[in-house]
Amino acid sequence: MAGAAVLVASGGIGGNVDAVRAAWPVDELGPKVPEHFVVGVPAHVDGRMMGIAEAAGARIINRSRMWHYTEGLQNWNPIWPGHGIRVLPGPSSLWLDATGARLPPCLFPGSDTLATLRHICHTGFDYSWFVLDEAILAREFGLSGSEQNPDITGKSLCKLLLGRLLSRKGPVPVQNFRRHGRDFVVRDSLDDLVAGMNELAAERGGPALDAAAVRRTLEARDGQVRNGFCKDAQAMLVRNARSYWPDRLSRVAKPHAILDGKHGPLIAVRLNLLTRKTLGGIETDLRSNAMRADGTTFPGLFAAGEAAGFGGGGVHGHRSLEGTFLGGCIFSGRAAGMAMAEEFKSGGGRV
């Protein structure tokens, strides 16, 4: 197979856990490479074309720059091997690391992804915990993925209102994870909840949690929530979020004590590291033409999208924003298309 130009637009390495481990920046996210991941992209996003391009002479840069998530669930109904689903959390769940310590300010649900990933990895374990109740689950748990949001993809206002605003148990996909998910523990008492958490921790060789210590942490949190003038940073974040009326109605639960027993059973969710985006990739110029290691362009080879780090080999730097990935794909793809068309025309061909 031959062509006047080749465009590599095959995605990153997120579907290849071995490649993710090999690129893991231990100096930044140490002290060791995580052992367990759930996989947030299909298996074909394996980085193979990036390796082929490199073997042909293209330069790969910023290998260690990746954008993974800390709120991954094992999909109880997987589409691809190791399929993970990301929780899109509201701000109210109590977040504990694998040892049972509360994450410090301002590492709260839905806050700084990279800082939270760094903190969790530095504990030496590759999972953490949300502790909450059914009222928080129903209002604040969203799930990523089109198949997890049939009300939105189906453009059904009725399902949207019934599942997200009026249901006491949350959208049906969330209920399914509560019922079938391997990472969920649902119990009526805290002692039983911690016992269930310890069963899951033992699967990973993690530390056993002390029920009394978890209770003290929850009671400290609940005591702050009851005080309208508290100085707990997470409680203030929740109240601030509820000052925006759409979030108050649909996204952020009313502040309450998790241990008061009035808001359904207690729930613990084991959160796994979830692979996702590759921020480095094939180095290109502004025309999306791949570069060689000596700084010259690689004639006829172009790269766009995630394979090119969403543009140039790493347009985001070390961090990113959720809305910038698609834009980088569109812009770098457009640049590549225009450059290939220009070269084809100048070579005597017709487009």
Foldseek 3Di string as FASTA:
>chain_A
DDDQFDEDAQFAAQLAVVLLQVLADCVQQHPHRADDAAGADANSNHHPVLVVVVVVFFDWPPSNQFQWFFFWFQDLDDPHPSHIKGKQFDFPWFKFALQGHTDDPPPTRNPDGSVVSSVNRVVVHFKIKTKFFQQRLAQTTDIDDCVRCCCVVVVPPVLCCVAFQPDSRHHPSSVCCCVRTPFKDWDADLVSRLVVVQVVCVVRVTDRYDSVSNVVVLVVVQVQLVDPPHDDVSSVVLVVQVVPPVCVRGHGGRRHRRPPSPRHTMMMGMTGIYGDARQFAFADDQLQFGAGPVGHGDRNYGYFARNHSLPRGGPPPNDDDPVCRVVSRVNSVVSPVVVVQVVCVVVPHHD
